[in-house]
C-alpha atoms as a PDB file:
ATOM      1  CA  MET A   1       0.221   0.083   0.112  1.00  0.00           C
ATOM      2  CA  THR A   2       1.580   3.413  -0.764  1.00  0.00           C
ATOM      3  CA  ASP A   3       1.856   6.138   1.611  1.00  0.00           C
ATOM      4  CA  ASN A   4      -1.208   8.199  -0.559  1.00  0.00           C
ATOM      5  CA  ALA A   5      -3.640   4.962  -0.152  1.00  0.00           C
ATOM      6  CA  LYS A   6      -3.409   5.240   3.577  1.00  0.00           C
ATOM      7  CA  PHE A   7      -5.214   8.130   3.493  1.00  0.00           C
ATOM      8  CA  ASN A   8      -7.695   7.629   1.100  1.00  0.00           C
ATOM      9  CA  VAL A   9     -11.147   5.979   2.284  1.00  0.00           C
ATOM     10  CA  ARG A  10     -11.094   2.338   0.870  1.00  0.00           C
ATOM     11  CA  LEU A  11     -14.085   0.727  -0.689  1.00  0.00           C
ATOM     12  CA  GLY A  12     -14.934  -3.098   0.092  1.00  0.00           C
ATOM     13  CA  VAL A  13     -17.243  -5.026  -1.991  1.00  0.00           C
ATOM     14  CA  ASN A  14     -19.817  -7.016  -0.357  1.00  0.00           C
ATOM     15  CA  ILE A  15     -20.770 -10.054  -2.578  1.00  0.00           C
ATOM     16  CA  ASP A  16     -23.150 -11.434  -0.323  1.00  0.00           C
ATOM     17  CA  HIS A  17     -26.536 -11.092  -2.795  1.00  0.00           C
ATOM     18  CA  VAL A  18     -24.549 -12.292  -6.050  1.00  0.00           C
ATOM     19  CA  ALA A  19     -24.885 -15.625  -3.650  1.00  0.00           C
ATOM     20  CA  THR A  20     -28.809 -14.507  -2.788  1.00  0.00           C
ATOM     21  CA  ILE A  21     -29.664 -14.855  -6.458  1.00  0.00           C
ATOM     22  CA  ARG A  22     -27.528 -18.165  -7.144  1.00  0.00           C
ATOM     23  CA  ASN A  23     -29.094 -19.871  -4.245  1.00  0.00           C
ATOM     24  CA  ALA A  24     -32.671 -18.804  -5.341  1.00  0.00           C
ATOM     25  CA  ARG A  25     -32.281 -21.271  -8.086  1.00  0.00           C
ATOM     26  CA  GLY A  26     -29.383 -23.348  -7.093  1.00  0.00           C
ATOM     27  CA  GLY A  27     -26.718 -24.700  -9.334  1.00  0.00           C
ATOM     28  CA  GLU A  28     -23.267 -22.426  -9.623  1.00  0.00           C
ATOM     29  CA  HIS A  29     -24.457 -19.165 -11.353  1.00  0.00           C
ATOM     30  CA  PRO A  30     -23.884 -16.516 -10.513  1.00  0.00           C
ATOM     31  CA  ASP A  31     -20.401 -16.887  -8.959  1.00  0.00           C
ATOM     32  CA  PRO A  32     -19.625 -14.413  -6.317  1.00  0.00           C
ATOM     33  CA  VAL A  33     -16.219 -15.481  -6.262  1.00  0.00           C
ATOM     34  CA  ARG A  34     -16.460 -14.341 -10.269  1.00  0.00           C
ATOM     35  CA  ALA A  35     -17.824 -11.244  -8.827  1.00  0.00           C
ATOM     36  CA  ALA A  36     -15.409 -10.644  -6.444  1.00  0.00           C
ATOM     37  CA  VAL A  37     -12.401 -10.848  -9.087  1.00  0.00           C
ATOM     38  CA  LEU A  38     -14.326  -8.156 -11.024  1.00  0.00           C
ATOM     39  CA  ALA A  39     -14.783  -6.075  -8.461  1.00  0.00           C
ATOM     40  CA  ALA A  40     -10.878  -6.105  -7.699  1.00  0.00           C
ATOM     41  CA  GLU A  41     -10.515  -5.423 -11.526  1.00  0.00           C
ATOM     42  CA  ALA A  42     -12.947  -2.205 -10.989  1.00  0.00           C
ATOM     43  CA  GLY A  43     -10.830  -0.742  -8.156  1.00  0.00           C
ATOM     44  CA  ALA A  44     -12.137  -2.308  -4.867  1.00  0.00           C
ATOM     45  CA  ASP A  45      -9.909  -2.410  -2.188  1.00  0.00           C
ATOM     46  CA  GLY A  46     -11.261  -5.584  -0.320  1.00  0.00           C
ATOM     47  CA  ILE A  47     -14.274  -7.993  -0.751  1.00  0.00           C
ATOM     48  CA  THR A  48     -16.831  -8.477   1.904  1.00  0.00           C
ATOM     49  CA  ALA A  49     -18.473 -12.033   2.591  1.00  0.00           C
ATOM     50  CA  HIS A  50     -21.243 -12.689   5.400  1.00  0.00           C
ATOM     51  CA  LEU A  51     -21.517 -16.279   6.137  1.00  0.00           C
ATOM     52  CA  ARG A  52     -24.908 -16.512   8.026  1.00  0.00           C
ATOM     53  CA  GLU A  53     -25.734 -19.310  10.526  1.00  0.00           C
ATOM     54  CA  ASP A  54     -28.147 -20.393   8.176  1.00  0.00           C
ATOM     55  CA  ARG A  55     -26.248 -20.230   5.341  1.00  0.00           C
ATOM     56  CA  ARG A  56     -28.818 -17.979   3.039  1.00  0.00           C
ATOM     57  CA  HIS A  57     -26.435 -16.554   0.762  1.00  0.00           C
ATOM     58  CA  ILE A  58     -22.695 -17.122   1.552  1.00  0.00           C
ATOM     59  CA  SER A  59     -21.995 -20.951   1.539  1.00  0.00           C
ATOM     60  CA  ASP A  60     -18.615 -22.456   3.387  1.00  0.00           C
ATOM     61  CA  ALA A  61     -17.425 -23.461   0.135  1.00  0.00           C
ATOM     62  CA  ASP A  62     -17.851 -19.577  -0.965  1.00  0.00           C
ATOM     63  CA  ILE A  63     -15.236 -18.601   2.040  1.00  0.00           C
ATOM     64  CA  GLU A  64     -12.828 -21.605   0.903  1.00  0.00           C
ATOM     65  CA  ARG A  65     -12.343 -19.859  -2.836  1.00  0.00           C
ATOM     66  CA  LEU A  66     -12.382 -16.704  -1.524  1.00  0.00           C
ATOM     67  CA  SER A  67      -9.765 -17.161   0.851  1.00  0.00           C
ATOM     68  CA  THR A  68      -7.660 -19.116  -1.961  1.00  0.00           C
ATOM     69  CA  GLU A  69      -8.666 -17.702  -5.253  1.00  0.00           C
ATOM     70  CA  ILE A  70      -8.848 -13.450  -4.412  1.00  0.00           C
ATOM     71  CA  ASN A  71      -6.020 -11.425  -4.318  1.00  0.00           C
ATOM     72  CA  LEU A  72      -7.681  -8.687  -2.038  1.00  0.00           C
ATOM     73  CA  PRO A  73      -8.474  -8.886   1.468  1.00  0.00           C
ATOM     74  CA  LEU A  74     -11.173 -10.519   2.398  1.00  0.00           C
ATOM     75  CA  ASN A  75     -12.922  -9.128   5.198  1.00  0.00           C
ATOM     76  CA  LEU A  76     -15.413 -12.082   7.130  1.00  0.00           C
ATOM     77  CA  GLU A  77     -18.519 -10.997   8.759  1.00  0.00           C
ATOM     78  CA  MET A  78     -20.073 -13.057  11.072  1.00  0.00           C
ATOM     79  CA  ALA A  79     -22.236 -13.663  14.402  1.00  0.00           C
ATOM     80  CA  ALA A  80     -20.274 -14.120  17.577  1.00  0.00           C
ATOM     81  CA  THR A  81     -20.742 -18.068  18.012  1.00  0.00           C
ATOM     82  CA  GLU A  82     -18.739 -20.965  18.663  1.00  0.00           C
ATOM     83  CA  GLU A  83     -19.218 -22.299  14.858  1.00  0.00           C
ATOM     84  CA  MET A  84     -18.216 -19.159  13.124  1.00  0.00           C
ATOM     85  CA  LEU A  85     -15.078 -18.342  15.372  1.00  0.00           C
ATOM     86  CA  ASN A  86     -13.720 -21.802  14.215  1.00  0.00           C
ATOM     87  CA  ILE A  87     -14.679 -21.111  11.128  1.00  0.00           C
ATOM     88  CA  ALA A  88     -12.643 -17.966  10.741  1.00  0.00           C
ATOM     89  CA  LEU A  89      -9.944 -19.144  12.519  1.00  0.00           C
ATOM     90  CA  ARG A  90      -9.404 -21.903  10.000  1.00  0.00           C
ATOM     91  CA  HIS A  91      -9.211 -19.883   7.090  1.00  0.00           C
ATOM     92  CA  LYS A  92      -7.889 -16.912   9.029  1.00  0.00           C
ATOM     93  CA  PRO A  93      -9.004 -14.230   6.758  1.00  0.00           C
ATOM     94  CA  HIS A  94      -7.180 -10.457   6.406  1.00  0.00           C
ATOM     95  CA  ALA A  95      -9.681  -9.010   8.735  1.00  0.00           C
ATOM     96  CA  VAL A  96     -13.346 -10.476  10.752  1.00  0.00           C
ATOM     97  CA  CYS A  97     -16.221  -8.011  11.650  1.00  0.00           C
ATOM     98  CA  ILE A  98     -18.488  -9.099  14.056  1.00  0.00           C
ATOM     99  CA  VAL A  99     -22.141  -8.298  13.321  1.00  0.00           C
ATOM    100  CA  PRO A 100     -25.216  -9.176  15.530  1.00  0.00           C
ATOM    101  CA  GLU A 101     -27.544 -11.847  13.811  1.00  0.00           C
ATOM    102  CA  LYS A 102     -31.080 -12.850  13.989  1.00  0.00           C
ATOM    103  CA  ARG A 103     -32.467 -15.995  11.957  1.00  0.00           C
ATOM    104  CA  GLN A 104     -35.641 -14.054  10.577  1.00  0.00           C
ATOM    105  CA  GLU A 105     -34.474 -10.663  10.105  1.00  0.00           C
ATOM    106  CA  VAL A 106     -34.315  -9.898   6.603  1.00  0.00           C
ATOM    107  CA  THR A 107     -30.680  -7.984   6.780  1.00  0.00           C
ATOM    108  CA  THR A 108     -28.678  -6.673   9.655  1.00  0.00           C
ATOM    109  CA  GLU A 109     -31.205  -4.291  12.051  1.00  0.00           C
ATOM    110  CA  GLY A 110     -28.840  -2.438  14.170  1.00  0.00           C
ATOM    111  CA  GLY A 111     -25.201  -2.560  15.418  1.00  0.00           C
ATOM    112  CA  LEU A 112     -23.691  -5.113  18.464  1.00  0.00           C
ATOM    113  CA  ASP A 113     -24.854  -4.105  21.682  1.00  0.00           C
ATOM    114  CA  VAL A 114     -21.508  -4.600  22.652  1.00  0.00           C
ATOM    115  CA  ALA A 115     -21.980  -3.580  26.566  1.00  0.00           C
ATOM    116  CA  ALA A 116     -24.385  -5.748  26.982  1.00  0.00           C
ATOM    117  CA  GLU A 117     -22.314  -8.750  25.230  1.00  0.00           C
ATOM    118  CA  HIS A 118     -19.014  -7.586  26.475  1.00  0.00           C
ATOM    119  CA  LYS A 119     -18.562 -11.219  28.156  1.00  0.00           C
ATOM    120  CA  VAL A 120     -19.194 -13.159  25.033  1.00  0.00           C
ATOM    121  CA  LEU A 121     -17.397 -11.127  22.877  1.00  0.00           C
ATOM    122  CA  ALA A 122     -14.274 -10.955  24.308  1.00  0.00           C
ATOM    123  CA  PRO A 123     -12.680 -14.128  24.644  1.00  0.00           C
ATOM    124  CA  ILE A 124     -13.837 -14.407  20.630  1.00  0.00           C
ATOM    125  CA  VAL A 125     -12.121 -10.858  19.891  1.00  0.00           C
ATOM    126  CA  ASP A 126      -9.154 -12.281  22.112  1.00  0.00           C
ATOM    127  CA  LYS A 127      -8.828 -15.497  19.854  1.00  0.00           C
ATOM    128  CA  LEU A 128      -9.275 -13.967  16.255  1.00  0.00           C
ATOM    129  CA  ALA A 129      -6.650 -11.275  17.029  1.00  0.00           C
ATOM    130  CA  ASN A 130      -4.252 -13.677  18.576  1.00  0.00           C
ATOM    131  CA  ALA A 131      -4.804 -15.758  14.940  1.00  0.00           C
ATOM    132  CA  GLY A 132      -3.686 -12.625  13.407  1.00  0.00           C
ATOM    133  CA  CYS A 133      -7.097 -11.397  11.959  1.00  0.00           C
ATOM    134  CA  ARG A 134      -8.004  -7.438  12.302  1.00  0.00           C
ATOM    135  CA  VAL A 135     -11.088  -7.721  14.404  1.00  0.00           C
ATOM    136  CA  SER A 136     -13.733  -5.171  13.949  1.00  0.00           C
ATOM    137  CA  LEU A 137     -16.932  -4.440  15.541  1.00  0.00           C
ATOM    138  CA  PHE A 138     -20.233  -3.625  13.950  1.00  0.00           C
ATOM    139  CA  ILE A 139     -21.866  -0.877  16.186  1.00  0.00           C
ATOM    140  CA  ASP A 140     -24.358   1.597  16.105  1.00  0.00           C
ATOM    141  CA  PRO A 141     -22.716   5.206  16.439  1.00  0.00           C
ATOM    142  CA  ASP A 142     -23.013   5.599  19.912  1.00  0.00           C
ATOM    143  CA  PRO A 143     -20.173   6.749  22.306  1.00  0.00           C
ATOM    144  CA  VAL A 144     -20.720   3.675  25.020  1.00  0.00           C
ATOM    145  CA  GLN A 145     -20.423   1.156  22.097  1.00  0.00           C
ATOM    146  CA  VAL A 146     -17.112   2.740  21.082  1.00  0.00           C
ATOM    147  CA  ALA A 147     -15.869   2.975  24.514  1.00  0.00           C
ATOM    148  CA  VAL A 148     -16.537  -0.681  25.124  1.00  0.00           C
ATOM    149  CA  SER A 149     -15.229  -1.960  21.427  1.00  0.00           C
ATOM    150  CA  LYS A 150     -11.936  -0.070  22.576  1.00  0.00           C
ATOM    151  CA  ALA A 151     -11.819  -1.617  26.149  1.00  0.00           C
ATOM    152  CA  LEU A 152     -12.521  -5.305  24.573  1.00  0.00           C
ATOM    153  CA  GLY A 153      -9.512  -4.909  22.196  1.00  0.00           C
ATOM    154  CA  ALA A 154     -11.057  -4.618  18.726  1.00  0.00           C
ATOM    155  CA  ALA A 155      -8.756  -2.938  16.177  1.00  0.00           C
ATOM    156  CA  VAL A 156     -11.630  -1.603  14.156  1.00  0.00           C
ATOM    157  CA  VAL A 157     -15.254  -0.112  14.733  1.00  0.00           C
ATOM    158  CA  GLU A 158     -17.776   0.000  11.835  1.00  0.00           C
ATOM    159  CA  LEU A 159     -20.366   2.381  12.060  1.00  0.00           C
ATOM    160  CA  HIS A 160     -24.022   1.180  11.034  1.00  0.00           C
ATOM    161  CA  THR A 161     -25.271   3.724   8.653  1.00  0.00           C
ATOM    162  CA  GLY A 162     -28.552   2.569   8.159  1.00  0.00           C
ATOM    163  CA  SER A 163     -30.561   4.957  10.219  1.00  0.00           C
ATOM    164  CA  TYR A 164     -28.829   7.505   8.417  1.00  0.00           C
ATOM    165  CA  CYS A 165     -29.368   6.087   4.840  1.00  0.00           C
ATOM    166  CA  GLU A 166     -33.334   5.268   5.495  1.00  0.00           C
ATOM    167  CA  ALA A 167     -33.935   8.921   6.977  1.00  0.00           C
ATOM    168  CA  HIS A 168     -32.768   9.581   3.199  1.00  0.00           C
ATOM    169  CA  THR A 169     -34.725   7.870   1.731  1.00  0.00           C
ATOM    170  CA  ALA A 170     -37.680   8.744   3.713  1.00  0.00           C
ATOM    171  CA  GLY A 171     -36.818  12.619   2.855  1.00  0.00           C
ATOM    172  CA  HIS A 172     -36.355  13.428   6.591  1.00  0.00           C
ATOM    173  CA  GLU A 173     -33.575  15.952   6.244  1.00  0.00           C
ATOM    174  CA  THR A 174     -33.699  17.001   9.714  1.00  0.00           C
ATOM    175  CA  LYS A 175     -33.122  13.187  11.137  1.00  0.00           C
ATOM    176  CA  LYS A 176     -30.402  12.841   8.213  1.00  0.00           C
ATOM    177  CA  VAL A 177     -28.839  15.421   9.569  1.00  0.00           C
ATOM    178  CA  SER A 178     -28.976  14.335  13.266  1.00  0.00           C
ATOM    179  CA  GLU A 179     -27.895  10.866  12.119  1.00  0.00           C
ATOM    180  CA  LEU A 180     -24.836  12.357  10.318  1.00  0.00           C
ATOM    181  CA  GLU A 181     -23.896  14.191  13.407  1.00  0.00           C
ATOM    182  CA  ARG A 182     -23.794  10.920  15.451  1.00  0.00           C
ATOM    183  CA  LEU A 183     -21.672   9.180  12.639  1.00  0.00           C
ATOM    184  CA  ILE A 184     -19.493  12.173  13.184  1.00  0.00           C
ATOM    185  CA  ALA A 185     -19.058  11.751  16.617  1.00  0.00           C
ATOM    186  CA  SER A 186     -18.645   8.407  16.876  1.00  0.00           C
ATOM    187  CA  ALA A 187     -15.950   8.340  14.499  1.00  0.00           C
ATOM    188  CA  ALA A 188     -14.136  11.235  16.122  1.00  0.00           C
ATOM    189  CA  MET A 189     -14.434   9.409  19.269  1.00  0.00           C
ATOM    190  CA  ALA A 190     -13.139   6.205  18.002  1.00  0.00           C
ATOM    191  CA  HIS A 191     -10.361   7.612  16.010  1.00  0.00           C
ATOM    192  CA  GLN A 192      -8.972   9.630  19.037  1.00  0.00           C
ATOM    193  CA  ALA A 193      -8.789   6.485  20.949  1.00  0.00           C
ATOM    194  CA  GLY A 194      -7.116   4.551  18.031  1.00  0.00           C
ATOM    195  CA  LEU A 195      -9.788   2.717  16.428  1.00  0.00           C
ATOM    196  CA  GLU A 196      -9.731   2.088  12.785  1.00  0.00           C
ATOM    197  CA  VAL A 197     -13.221   3.740  11.475  1.00  0.00           C
ATOM    198  CA  HIS A 198     -15.354   2.306   8.882  1.00  0.00           C
ATOM    199  CA  ALA A 199     -18.746   2.472   8.044  1.00  0.00           C
ATOM    200  CA  GLY A 200     -21.739   0.784   6.070  1.00  0.00           C
ATOM    201  CA  HIS A 201     -25.477  -0.509   5.392  1.00  0.00           C
ATOM    202  CA  GLY A 202     -27.661   0.601   3.225  1.00  0.00           C
ATOM    203  CA  LEU A 203     -25.195   3.528   1.464  1.00  0.00           C
ATOM    204  CA  CYS A 204     -26.251   4.320  -2.170  1.00  0.00           C
ATOM    205  CA  PHE A 205     -24.934   6.672  -4.693  1.00  0.00           C
ATOM    206  CA  GLU A 206     -26.421   9.663  -3.163  1.00  0.00           C
ATOM    207  CA  THR A 207     -25.629   8.810   0.675  1.00  0.00           C
ATOM    208  CA  VAL A 208     -21.796   7.809   0.267  1.00  0.00           C
ATOM    209  CA  GLN A 209     -20.248  11.211   0.089  1.00  0.00           C
ATOM    210  CA  PRO A 210     -21.082  12.326   3.359  1.00  0.00           C
ATOM    211  CA  VAL A 211     -20.051   9.410   5.391  1.00  0.00           C
ATOM    212  CA  ALA A 212     -16.980   8.956   2.914  1.00  0.00           C
ATOM    213  CA  ALA A 213     -15.726  12.772   4.050  1.00  0.00           C
ATOM    214  CA  ILE A 214     -16.098  12.300   7.677  1.00  0.00           C
ATOM    215  CA  GLU A 215     -12.788  12.926   9.259  1.00  0.00           C
ATOM    216  CA  GLY A 216     -11.483   9.982  10.264  1.00  0.00           C
ATOM    217  CA  MET A 217     -13.189   7.647   8.071  1.00  0.00           C
ATOM    218  CA  ARG A 218     -11.116   4.902   6.472  1.00  0.00           C
ATOM    219  CA  GLU A 219     -13.345   2.285   4.810  1.00  0.00           C
ATOM    220  CA  LEU A 220     -16.648   2.035   3.486  1.00  0.00           C
ATOM    221  CA  ASN A 221     -18.696  -1.657   2.988  1.00  0.00           C
ATOM    222  CA  ILE A 222     -21.166  -1.875   0.750  1.00  0.00           C
ATOM    223  CA  GLY A 223     -23.134  -4.615  -1.097  1.00  0.00           C
ATOM    224  CA  HIS A 224     -26.792  -4.852  -1.670  1.00  0.00           C
ATOM    225  CA  PHE A 225     -27.074  -1.257  -3.655  1.00  0.00           C
ATOM    226  CA  MET A 226     -24.261  -1.867  -5.532  1.00  0.00           C
ATOM    227  CA  ILE A 227     -25.129  -5.676  -6.768  1.00  0.00           C
ATOM    228  CA  GLY A 228     -28.785  -4.244  -7.508  1.00  0.00           C
ATOM    229  CA  GLU A 229     -27.771  -1.554  -9.478  1.00  0.00           C
ATOM    230  CA  ALA A 230     -25.508  -3.738 -11.572  1.00  0.00           C
ATOM    231  CA  ILE A 231     -28.442  -5.411 -12.826  1.00  0.00           C
ATOM    232  CA  PHE A 232     -29.426  -2.110 -14.760  1.00  0.00           C
ATOM    233  CA  GLU A 233     -25.231  -0.928 -15.283  1.00  0.00           C
ATOM    234  CA  GLY A 234     -23.018  -3.435 -14.925  1.00  0.00           C
ATOM    235  CA  LEU A 235     -20.746  -4.504 -11.757  1.00  0.00           C
ATOM    236  CA  GLU A 236     -17.913  -2.908 -12.908  1.00  0.00           C
ATOM    237  CA  ASN A 237     -19.491   0.005 -13.794  1.00  0.00           C
ATOM    238  CA  VAL A 238     -21.063   0.545 -10.670  1.00  0.00           C
ATOM    239  CA  ILE A 239     -18.227  -0.101  -8.794  1.00  0.00           C
ATOM    240  CA  ARG A 240     -16.157   2.740 -10.603  1.00  0.00           C
ATOM    241  CA  LYS A 241     -18.558   5.351  -9.942  1.00  0.00           C
ATOM    242  CA  MET A 242     -18.944   4.429  -6.056  1.00  0.00           C
ATOM    243  CA  ARG A 243     -14.980   4.380  -6.195  1.00  0.00           C
ATOM    244  CA  CYS A 244     -15.174   8.038  -8.049  1.00  0.00           C
ATOM    245  CA  LEU A 245     -17.801   9.291  -5.616  1.00  0.00           C
ATOM    246  CA  ILE A 246     -15.827   8.152  -2.729  1.00  0.00           C
ATOM    247  CA  ASP A 247     -12.475   9.822  -3.975  1.00  0.00           C
ATOM    248  CA  ALA A 248     -14.072  13.089  -5.046  1.00  0.00           C
ATOM    249  CA  ALA A 249     -15.507  12.864  -1.174  1.00  0.00           C
ATOM    250  CA  ASP A 250     -11.937  12.718   0.301  1.00  0.00           C
ATOM    251  CA  ARG A 251     -11.001  15.728  -1.921  1.00  0.00           C
ATOM    252  CA  SER A 252     -13.800  17.866  -1.227  1.00  0.00           C
ATOM    253  CA  PRO A 253     -15.538  19.531   2.263  1.00  0.00           C
ATOM    254  CA  LEU A 254     -18.522  18.111   1.747  1.00  0.00           C
ATOM    255  CA  VAL A 255     -19.319  17.667   5.578  1.00  0.00           C
ATOM    256  CA  SER A 256     -19.610  21.124   7.043  1.00  0.00           C
ATOM    257  CA  PRO A 257     -17.354  22.726   9.677  1.00  0.00           C
ATOM    258  CA  GLU A 258     -20.426  22.562  12.198  1.00  0.00           C
ATOM    259  CA  LEU A 259     -20.777  18.917  12.057  1.00  0.00           C
ATOM    260  CA  LYS A 260     -17.099  17.872  11.971  1.00  0.00           C
ATOM    261  CA  SER A 261     -16.720  19.498  15.308  1.00  0.00           C
ATOM    262  CA  VAL A 262     -19.661  17.798  17.170  1.00  0.00           C
ATOM    263  CA  GLU A 263     -18.087  16.806  20.559  1.00  0.00           C
ATOM    264  CA  LEU A 264     -19.355  13.725  22.611  1.00  0.00           C
END
């Protein structure tokens, strides 16, 4: 990685929903690993895949192939269970992002409550870190969750951007601004604590730049929107467009000084 790249916001492409389409009919197509290769060619910095307990999209075989067939860092999203821990320790991906998981949810509904679950999370974080994995905790933008994530020894927090994106979709501008303020304040706290700051969930072309422009932001993980938009524009074109928007946000003061200075 070049010195310049260290300060750019990285783009992680989540390929889960390529597997969702494949699994709707069975068989081998479309192949999520092929999508990962295309993502690399289009400018992605990493690949994210969530191996759910019910295997509704990504499979164990997908993780095996992603671990051996792609040249980008793999970010394995997983629940805090013994089964998933053993899988992560077997493959030793570059990064492991621990996320909440409910069997009946359509998609991840919020961040981990690390304050309530710290006793369960502590040994998992410790084992993954000792195995050489970069451990990330997917949390809501909340000062308590940031502080406990630091205490647990995580290297990274990934801030849940769902509420911000939902406010945008609903046209609730006041709510959207307040949710962006929460993201900015939590990112500042995490950065000051020595945690690397990532974000994701629900981001699209219209919402990505203010988040990418947050001071201290280092990585955005985006999947569902880009896989859906790829039906109309092609996956490589969509990733390149998202990459350009993120890079432009790095160069532009898209977030006002008032928001950047929010104190916790």
